[in-house]
């Protein structure tokens, strides 16, 4: 039984997230009921997280204290997956992209096509996720001070590291959006970095789940007219989507 559960855990570790059907295909000699019981045991042991129709790894496998981050990652999980799939469809081989820190950015890192890319990020866990699961992308990790709660690098001088970097598409997250306040975050250093990335990027994509619309945080880093594409989930009201679409591309 232990060997079976270890095999399932290792299979999930190699992929980050799997479905029941993938596990059933990989371990054809075991019944689906047995696999589900083993997943329940691994989840109870805090080795994995159960998802709708499968399982994925806990963020804590990176060896960092991530309790707060992990809690945030679970909020609006389905919406973040929807946004990540839409964002991944915009990525082309041979380009340089910036992937923000944060839980929606992590969903994009998992959905990232295994292309020949240069990926710049301020999230050490984002860099590790891509390095662990993808073979082709090159990774540039910005340096500075690690903020434990967000697992992001922040530093007053970090934007200078962007001076010689050319970014085709920047995928940025936001903690809130309001028509008057624009896109905002709770950290001034985070806001300054996002704005610096926005200035360097040829195309700016904001990833924002619908629960953050109407939310205002202290530091605005962008307005709607700074953004080429806004990616949100399917729960955004149609009238609001139509209004936003008159000012930028909304998908």
C-alpha atoms as a PDB file:
ATOM      1  CA  UNK A   1       0.000   0.000   0.000  1.00  0.00           C
ATOM      2  CA  UNK A   2       2.822   2.409   0.859  1.00  0.00           C
ATOM      3  CA  UNK A   3       4.562   1.689  -2.441  1.00  0.00           C
ATOM      4  CA  UNK A   4       1.327   2.341  -4.317  1.00  0.00           C
ATOM      5  CA  UNK A   5       0.756   5.645  -2.557  1.00  0.00           C
ATOM      6  CA  UNK A   6       4.387   6.656  -3.062  1.00  0.00           C
ATOM      7  CA  UNK A   7       4.007   5.917  -6.780  1.00  0.00           C
ATOM      8  CA  UNK A   8       0.900   8.098  -6.997  1.00  0.00           C
ATOM      9  CA  UNK A   9       2.582  10.924  -5.087  1.00  0.00           C
ATOM     10  CA  UNK A  10       5.658  10.775  -7.344  1.00  0.00           C
ATOM     11  CA  UNK A  11       3.439  10.825 -10.436  1.00  0.00           C
ATOM     12  CA  UNK A  12       1.731  13.981  -9.143  1.00  0.00           C
ATOM     13  CA  UNK A  13       5.101  15.548  -8.221  1.00  0.00           C
ATOM     14  CA  UNK A  14       6.319  15.069 -11.793  1.00  0.00           C
ATOM     15  CA  UNK A  15       3.303  16.915 -13.214  1.00  0.00           C
ATOM     16  CA  UNK A  16       2.158  19.286 -10.506  1.00  0.00           C
ATOM     17  CA  UNK A  17      -1.517  18.523 -11.117  1.00  0.00           C
ATOM     18  CA  UNK A  18      -3.268  15.420 -12.474  1.00  0.00           C
ATOM     19  CA  UNK A  19      -6.771  14.110 -13.096  1.00  0.00           C
ATOM     20  CA  UNK A  20      -8.287  10.833 -11.945  1.00  0.00           C
ATOM     21  CA  UNK A  21      -8.374   9.688 -15.577  1.00  0.00           C
ATOM     22  CA  UNK A  22      -4.615  10.328 -15.937  1.00  0.00           C
ATOM     23  CA  UNK A  23      -3.925   8.303 -12.803  1.00  0.00           C
ATOM     24  CA  UNK A  24      -6.220   5.495 -13.963  1.00  0.00           C
ATOM     25  CA  UNK A  25      -4.406   5.374 -17.309  1.00  0.00           C
ATOM     26  CA  UNK A  26      -0.970   5.393 -15.688  1.00  0.00           C
ATOM     27  CA  UNK A  27      -1.852   2.757 -13.072  1.00  0.00           C
ATOM     28  CA  UNK A  28      -4.185   0.582 -15.084  1.00  0.00           C
ATOM     29  CA  UNK A  29      -3.911  -2.312 -12.623  1.00  0.00           C
ATOM     30  CA  UNK A  30      -5.568  -0.349  -9.840  1.00  0.00           C
ATOM     31  CA  UNK A  31      -9.256   0.433  -9.599  1.00  0.00           C
ATOM     32  CA  UNK A  32     -10.472   4.013  -9.637  1.00  0.00           C
ATOM     33  CA  UNK A  33     -11.909   3.483  -6.166  1.00  0.00           C
ATOM     34  CA  UNK A  34      -8.476   2.431  -4.880  1.00  0.00           C
ATOM     35  CA  UNK A  35      -6.865   5.498  -6.470  1.00  0.00           C
ATOM     36  CA  UNK A  36      -9.466   7.769  -4.886  1.00  0.00           C
ATOM     37  CA  UNK A  37      -8.856   6.221  -1.459  1.00  0.00           C
ATOM     38  CA  UNK A  38      -5.110   6.706  -1.857  1.00  0.00           C
ATOM     39  CA  UNK A  39      -5.614  10.328  -2.897  1.00  0.00           C
ATOM     40  CA  UNK A  40      -7.803  10.898   0.157  1.00  0.00           C
ATOM     41  CA  UNK A  41      -5.067   9.444   2.371  1.00  0.00           C
ATOM     42  CA  UNK A  42      -2.363  11.612   0.761  1.00  0.00           C
ATOM     43  CA  UNK A  43      -4.552  14.694   1.137  1.00  0.00           C
ATOM     44  CA  UNK A  44      -5.214  13.909   4.808  1.00  0.00           C
ATOM     45  CA  UNK A  45      -1.440  13.556   5.239  1.00  0.00           C
ATOM     46  CA  UNK A  46      -1.040  17.048   3.695  1.00  0.00           C
ATOM     47  CA  UNK A  47       1.059  15.760   0.813  1.00  0.00           C
ATOM     48  CA  UNK A  48      -1.390  16.827  -1.901  1.00  0.00           C
ATOM     49  CA  UNK A  49      -4.532  18.904  -2.391  1.00  0.00           C
ATOM     50  CA  UNK A  50      -7.661  17.310  -3.821  1.00  0.00           C
ATOM     51  CA  UNK A  51      -9.211  19.145  -6.759  1.00  0.00           C
ATOM     52  CA  UNK A  52     -12.400  18.602  -8.697  1.00  0.00           C
ATOM     53  CA  UNK A  53     -11.620  15.407 -10.585  1.00  0.00           C
ATOM     54  CA  UNK A  54      -8.017  15.001  -9.474  1.00  0.00           C
ATOM     55  CA  UNK A  55      -5.220  16.270  -7.236  1.00  0.00           C
ATOM     56  CA  UNK A  56      -2.261  18.632  -7.172  1.00  0.00           C
ATOM     57  CA  UNK A  57       0.773  19.336  -5.033  1.00  0.00           C
ATOM     58  CA  UNK A  58       0.837  21.501  -1.967  1.00  0.00           C
ATOM     59  CA  UNK A  59       2.945  24.637  -2.538  1.00  0.00           C
ATOM     60  CA  UNK A  60       4.985  23.667   0.535  1.00  0.00           C
ATOM     61  CA  UNK A  61       7.082  21.250  -1.487  1.00  0.00           C
ATOM     62  CA  UNK A  62       9.386  24.175  -2.272  1.00  0.00           C
ATOM     63  CA  UNK A  63      10.624  24.078   1.295  1.00  0.00           C
ATOM     64  CA  UNK A  64       9.266  27.544   2.183  1.00  0.00           C
ATOM     65  CA  UNK A  65       6.719  28.420   4.852  1.00  0.00           C
ATOM     66  CA  UNK A  66       3.701  29.038   2.621  1.00  0.00           C
ATOM     67  CA  UNK A  67       0.644  28.696   4.848  1.00  0.00           C
ATOM     68  CA  UNK A  68      -0.692  32.158   4.035  1.00  0.00           C
ATOM     69  CA  UNK A  69       0.134  31.819   0.346  1.00  0.00           C
ATOM     70  CA  UNK A  70      -1.507  28.388   0.240  1.00  0.00           C
ATOM     71  CA  UNK A  71      -4.700  29.764   1.760  1.00  0.00           C
ATOM     72  CA  UNK A  72      -4.799  32.511  -0.885  1.00  0.00           C
ATOM     73  CA  UNK A  73      -4.166  29.984  -3.629  1.00  0.00           C
ATOM     74  CA  UNK A  74      -7.317  28.093  -2.667  1.00  0.00           C
ATOM     75  CA  UNK A  75      -9.554  31.145  -2.962  1.00  0.00           C
ATOM     76  CA  UNK A  76     -11.314  31.344  -6.342  1.00  0.00           C
ATOM     77  CA  UNK A  77      -9.214  28.388  -7.513  1.00  0.00           C
ATOM     78  CA  UNK A  78     -11.430  27.517 -10.495  1.00  0.00           C
ATOM     79  CA  UNK A  79     -11.455  31.128 -11.689  1.00  0.00           C
ATOM     80  CA  UNK A  80      -7.662  31.269 -11.562  1.00  0.00           C
ATOM     81  CA  UNK A  81      -7.426  28.084 -13.642  1.00  0.00           C
ATOM     82  CA  UNK A  82      -9.775  29.582 -16.241  1.00  0.00           C
ATOM     83  CA  UNK A  83      -7.684  32.746 -16.413  1.00  0.00           C
ATOM     84  CA  UNK A  84      -4.443  30.760 -16.672  1.00  0.00           C
ATOM     85  CA  UNK A  85      -5.687  28.715 -19.627  1.00  0.00           C
ATOM     86  CA  UNK A  86      -6.750  31.883 -21.451  1.00  0.00           C
ATOM     87  CA  UNK A  87      -3.392  33.534 -20.716  1.00  0.00           C
ATOM     88  CA  UNK A  88      -1.377  30.511 -21.831  1.00  0.00           C
ATOM     89  CA  UNK A  89      -3.133  30.602 -25.209  1.00  0.00           C
ATOM     90  CA  UNK A  90      -1.565  34.040 -25.843  1.00  0.00           C
ATOM     91  CA  UNK A  91       2.013  32.777 -25.468  1.00  0.00           C
ATOM     92  CA  UNK A  92       4.072  32.163 -28.612  1.00  0.00           C
ATOM     93  CA  UNK A  93       7.390  30.294 -29.006  1.00  0.00           C
ATOM     94  CA  UNK A  94      10.562  32.346 -29.168  1.00  0.00           C
ATOM     95  CA  UNK A  95       9.224  35.264 -27.115  1.00  0.00           C
ATOM     96  CA  UNK A  96      10.257  36.824 -23.824  1.00  0.00           C
ATOM     97  CA  UNK A  97       7.521  37.079 -21.220  1.00  0.00           C
ATOM     98  CA  UNK A  98       7.174  38.355 -17.693  1.00  0.00           C
ATOM     99  CA  UNK A  99       5.123  36.323 -15.216  1.00  0.00           C
ATOM    100  CA  UNK A 100       4.180  38.175 -12.057  1.00  0.00           C
ATOM    101  CA  UNK A 101       4.304  36.719  -8.565  1.00  0.00           C
ATOM    102  CA  UNK A 102       1.069  35.602  -6.930  1.00  0.00           C
ATOM    103  CA  UNK A 103      -1.405  32.751  -7.033  1.00  0.00           C
ATOM    104  CA  UNK A 104      -2.919  33.499 -10.453  1.00  0.00           C
ATOM    105  CA  UNK A 105       0.610  33.723 -11.828  1.00  0.00           C
ATOM    106  CA  UNK A 106       1.310  30.286 -10.350  1.00  0.00           C
ATOM    107  CA  UNK A 107      -1.707  28.917 -12.205  1.00  0.00           C
ATOM    108  CA  UNK A 108      -0.224  30.371 -15.408  1.00  0.00           C
ATOM    109  CA  UNK A 109       3.180  28.830 -14.622  1.00  0.00           C
ATOM    110  CA  UNK A 110       1.496  25.424 -14.443  1.00  0.00           C
ATOM    111  CA  UNK A 111      -0.408  26.005 -17.683  1.00  0.00           C
ATOM    112  CA  UNK A 112       2.631  27.437 -19.497  1.00  0.00           C
ATOM    113  CA  UNK A 113       3.321  25.741 -22.858  1.00  0.00           C
ATOM    114  CA  UNK A 114       6.701  24.006 -22.957  1.00  0.00           C
ATOM    115  CA  UNK A 115       8.079  26.414 -25.570  1.00  0.00           C
ATOM    116  CA  UNK A 116      11.470  27.930 -26.204  1.00  0.00           C
ATOM    117  CA  UNK A 117      10.859  31.107 -24.175  1.00  0.00           C
ATOM    118  CA  UNK A 118      12.618  33.519 -21.873  1.00  0.00           C
ATOM    119  CA  UNK A 119      10.535  33.835 -18.712  1.00  0.00           C
ATOM    120  CA  UNK A 120      11.286  36.718 -16.355  1.00  0.00           C
ATOM    121  CA  UNK A 121       9.662  36.592 -12.920  1.00  0.00           C
ATOM    122  CA  UNK A 122       9.843  38.063  -9.429  1.00  0.00           C
ATOM    123  CA  UNK A 123       8.400  34.883  -7.898  1.00  0.00           C
ATOM    124  CA  UNK A 124      10.950  32.273  -6.756  1.00  0.00           C
ATOM    125  CA  UNK A 125       8.185  29.664  -6.555  1.00  0.00           C
ATOM    126  CA  UNK A 126       7.117  30.570 -10.110  1.00  0.00           C
ATOM    127  CA  UNK A 127      10.682  30.026 -11.308  1.00  0.00           C
ATOM    128  CA  UNK A 128      10.924  26.690  -9.477  1.00  0.00           C
ATOM    129  CA  UNK A 129       7.561  25.533 -10.825  1.00  0.00           C
ATOM    130  CA  UNK A 130       8.631  26.185 -14.413  1.00  0.00           C
ATOM    131  CA  UNK A 131      12.063  24.668 -13.865  1.00  0.00           C
ATOM    132  CA  UNK A 132      10.485  21.557 -12.354  1.00  0.00           C
ATOM    133  CA  UNK A 133       7.800  20.993 -14.971  1.00  0.00           C
ATOM    134  CA  UNK A 134       9.099  22.498 -18.237  1.00  0.00           C
ATOM    135  CA  UNK A 135      12.216  21.690 -20.238  1.00  0.00           C
ATOM    136  CA  UNK A 136      12.524  24.468 -22.816  1.00  0.00           C
ATOM    137  CA  UNK A 137      11.959  27.876 -21.177  1.00  0.00           C
ATOM    138  CA  UNK A 138      14.936  29.862 -19.910  1.00  0.00           C
ATOM    139  CA  UNK A 139      14.228  31.557 -16.573  1.00  0.00           C
ATOM    140  CA  UNK A 140      15.395  34.941 -15.310  1.00  0.00           C
ATOM    141  CA  UNK A 141      14.648  35.405 -11.608  1.00  0.00           C
ATOM    142  CA  UNK A 142      14.824  38.988 -10.377  1.00  0.00           C
ATOM    143  CA  UNK A 143      16.828  39.424  -7.183  1.00  0.00           C
ATOM    144  CA  UNK A 144      16.021  41.234  -3.963  1.00  0.00           C
ATOM    145  CA  UNK A 145      14.338  40.671  -0.622  1.00  0.00           C
ATOM    146  CA  UNK A 146      11.845  37.828  -0.306  1.00  0.00           C
ATOM    147  CA  UNK A 147       8.447  38.755   1.070  1.00  0.00           C
ATOM    148  CA  UNK A 148       7.386  35.588   2.884  1.00  0.00           C
ATOM    149  CA  UNK A 149       3.633  36.119   2.820  1.00  0.00           C
ATOM    150  CA  UNK A 150       3.479  36.628  -0.950  1.00  0.00           C
ATOM    151  CA  UNK A 151       6.585  34.618  -1.934  1.00  0.00           C
ATOM    152  CA  UNK A 152       7.632  37.557  -4.094  1.00  0.00           C
ATOM    153  CA  UNK A 153      10.907  39.424  -4.483  1.00  0.00           C
ATOM    154  CA  UNK A 154      10.624  43.116  -3.662  1.00  0.00           C
ATOM    155  CA  UNK A 155      13.304  45.754  -3.391  1.00  0.00           C
ATOM    156  CA  UNK A 156      13.481  49.501  -4.095  1.00  0.00           C
ATOM    157  CA  UNK A 157      16.230  48.838  -6.659  1.00  0.00           C
ATOM    158  CA  UNK A 158      14.638  45.827  -8.362  1.00  0.00           C
ATOM    159  CA  UNK A 159      13.245  47.794 -11.302  1.00  0.00           C
ATOM    160  CA  UNK A 160      16.804  48.624 -12.407  1.00  0.00           C
ATOM    161  CA  UNK A 161      17.250  44.942 -13.229  1.00  0.00           C
ATOM    162  CA  UNK A 162      14.707  45.449 -16.007  1.00  0.00           C
ATOM    163  CA  UNK A 163      16.740  48.155 -17.761  1.00  0.00           C
ATOM    164  CA  UNK A 164      18.395  45.758 -20.213  1.00  0.00           C
ATOM    165  CA  UNK A 165      15.516  43.304 -20.522  1.00  0.00           C
ATOM    166  CA  UNK A 166      13.127  43.384 -23.470  1.00  0.00           C
ATOM    167  CA  UNK A 167       9.722  41.917 -22.621  1.00  0.00           C
ATOM    168  CA  UNK A 168       7.305  40.959 -25.376  1.00  0.00           C
ATOM    169  CA  UNK A 169       4.333  40.268 -23.088  1.00  0.00           C
ATOM    170  CA  UNK A 170       3.934  40.961 -19.381  1.00  0.00           C
ATOM    171  CA  UNK A 171       1.364  38.918 -17.477  1.00  0.00           C
ATOM    172  CA  UNK A 172       0.537  40.932 -14.370  1.00  0.00           C
ATOM    173  CA  UNK A 173      -1.807  40.244 -11.495  1.00  0.00           C
ATOM    174  CA  UNK A 174      -3.755  42.818  -9.505  1.00  0.00           C
ATOM    175  CA  UNK A 175      -5.423  42.728  -6.100  1.00  0.00           C
ATOM    176  CA  UNK A 176      -8.213  45.068  -7.118  1.00  0.00           C
ATOM    177  CA  UNK A 177      -9.774  47.054  -9.950  1.00  0.00           C
ATOM    178  CA  UNK A 178     -11.990  50.107  -9.746  1.00  0.00           C
ATOM    179  CA  UNK A 179     -12.965  52.405 -12.600  1.00  0.00           C
ATOM    180  CA  UNK A 180     -11.645  55.480 -10.797  1.00  0.00           C
ATOM    181  CA  UNK A 181      -8.677  53.921  -8.968  1.00  0.00           C
ATOM    182  CA  UNK A 182      -7.515  51.565 -11.712  1.00  0.00           C
ATOM    183  CA  UNK A 183      -5.546  48.397 -10.950  1.00  0.00           C
ATOM    184  CA  UNK A 184      -4.184  48.384  -7.422  1.00  0.00           C
ATOM    185  CA  UNK A 185      -2.174  46.341  -4.923  1.00  0.00           C
ATOM    186  CA  UNK A 186      -1.493  46.489  -1.202  1.00  0.00           C
ATOM    187  CA  UNK A 187       2.297  46.849  -1.383  1.00  0.00           C
ATOM    188  CA  UNK A 188       4.020  49.982  -2.640  1.00  0.00           C
ATOM    189  CA  UNK A 189       7.138  48.078  -3.747  1.00  0.00           C
ATOM    190  CA  UNK A 190       4.984  45.542  -5.589  1.00  0.00           C
ATOM    191  CA  UNK A 191       3.141  48.369  -7.312  1.00  0.00           C
ATOM    192  CA  UNK A 192       6.388  50.065  -8.347  1.00  0.00           C
ATOM    193  CA  UNK A 193       7.727  46.824  -9.821  1.00  0.00           C
ATOM    194  CA  UNK A 194       4.532  46.134 -11.758  1.00  0.00           C
ATOM    195  CA  UNK A 195       4.589  49.665 -13.155  1.00  0.00           C
ATOM    196  CA  UNK A 196       8.252  49.288 -14.186  1.00  0.00           C
ATOM    197  CA  UNK A 197       7.453  46.000 -15.953  1.00  0.00           C
ATOM    198  CA  UNK A 198       4.490  47.650 -17.661  1.00  0.00           C
ATOM    199  CA  UNK A 199       6.817  50.359 -19.002  1.00  0.00           C
ATOM    200  CA  UNK A 200       9.222  47.765 -20.458  1.00  0.00           C
ATOM    201  CA  UNK A 201       6.654  45.449 -22.049  1.00  0.00           C
ATOM    202  CA  UNK A 202       5.417  45.648 -25.633  1.00  0.00           C
ATOM    203  CA  UNK A 203       2.109  44.079 -24.580  1.00  0.00           C
ATOM    204  CA  UNK A 204       0.520  44.217 -21.127  1.00  0.00           C
ATOM    205  CA  UNK A 205      -1.921  41.537 -19.979  1.00  0.00           C
ATOM    206  CA  UNK A 206      -3.685  41.884 -16.628  1.00  0.00           C
ATOM    207  CA  UNK A 207      -5.022  38.704 -15.013  1.00  0.00           C
ATOM    208  CA  UNK A 208      -7.868  39.530 -12.632  1.00  0.00           C
ATOM    209  CA  UNK A 209     -10.556  37.238 -11.248  1.00  0.00           C
ATOM    210  CA  UNK A 210     -14.008  38.789 -11.014  1.00  0.00           C
ATOM    211  CA  UNK A 211     -14.043  38.826  -7.195  1.00  0.00           C
ATOM    212  CA  UNK A 212     -11.451  41.645  -7.279  1.00  0.00           C
ATOM    213  CA  UNK A 213     -13.543  43.996  -9.400  1.00  0.00           C
ATOM    214  CA  UNK A 214     -14.735  46.926  -7.299  1.00  0.00           C
ATOM    215  CA  UNK A 215     -11.877  46.446  -4.806  1.00  0.00           C
ATOM    216  CA  UNK A 216      -9.532  49.381  -4.119  1.00  0.00           C
ATOM    217  CA  UNK A 217      -6.129  48.950  -2.473  1.00  0.00           C
ATOM    218  CA  UNK A 218      -3.687  51.719  -1.536  1.00  0.00           C
ATOM    219  CA  UNK A 219      -1.312  51.617  -4.508  1.00  0.00           C
ATOM    220  CA  UNK A 220      -2.406  51.994  -8.135  1.00  0.00           C
ATOM    221  CA  UNK A 221       0.060  50.695 -10.720  1.00  0.00           C
ATOM    222  CA  UNK A 222      -1.987  50.871 -13.941  1.00  0.00           C
ATOM    223  CA  UNK A 223      -5.108  52.293 -15.548  1.00  0.00           C
ATOM    224  CA  UNK A 224      -7.274  50.542 -18.082  1.00  0.00           C
ATOM    225  CA  UNK A 225      -5.712  52.500 -20.946  1.00  0.00           C
ATOM    226  CA  UNK A 226      -2.277  51.097 -19.968  1.00  0.00           C
ATOM    227  CA  UNK A 227      -3.518  47.567 -20.609  1.00  0.00           C
ATOM    228  CA  UNK A 228      -3.696  45.727 -23.937  1.00  0.00           C
ATOM    229  CA  UNK A 229      -5.675  42.728 -22.684  1.00  0.00           C
ATOM    230  CA  UNK A 230      -7.671  42.033 -19.530  1.00  0.00           C
ATOM    231  CA  UNK A 231      -8.215  38.359 -18.741  1.00  0.00           C
ATOM    232  CA  UNK A 232     -10.933  37.495 -16.249  1.00  0.00           C
ATOM    233  CA  UNK A 233     -13.218  34.570 -15.481  1.00  0.00           C
ATOM    234  CA  UNK A 234     -16.708  33.703 -16.653  1.00  0.00           C
ATOM    235  CA  UNK A 235     -18.427  35.169 -13.566  1.00  0.00           C
ATOM    236  CA  UNK A 236     -17.888  38.766 -14.591  1.00  0.00           C
ATOM    237  CA  UNK A 237     -21.266  40.459 -15.252  1.00  0.00           C
ATOM    238  CA  UNK A 238     -21.972  40.809 -18.968  1.00  0.00           C
ATOM    239  CA  UNK A 239     -22.784  44.513 -18.734  1.00  0.00           C
ATOM    240  CA  UNK A 240     -19.470  45.212 -17.010  1.00  0.00           C
ATOM    241  CA  UNK A 241     -17.582  43.059 -19.511  1.00  0.00           C
ATOM    242  CA  UNK A 242     -19.185  45.003 -22.350  1.00  0.00           C
ATOM    243  CA  UNK A 243     -18.228  48.309 -20.710  1.00  0.00           C
ATOM    244  CA  UNK A 244     -14.623  47.228 -20.185  1.00  0.00           C
ATOM    245  CA  UNK A 245     -14.466  45.871 -23.739  1.00  0.00           C
ATOM    246  CA  UNK A 246     -15.111  49.346 -25.080  1.00  0.00           C
ATOM    247  CA  UNK A 247     -11.759  50.427 -23.638  1.00  0.00           C
ATOM    248  CA  UNK A 248      -9.536  47.353 -23.941  1.00  0.00           C
ATOM    249  CA  UNK A 249      -9.528  43.748 -25.149  1.00  0.00           C
ATOM    250  CA  UNK A 250     -11.325  41.556 -22.578  1.00  0.00           C
ATOM    251  CA  UNK A 251     -11.184  37.774 -22.730  1.00  0.00           C
END
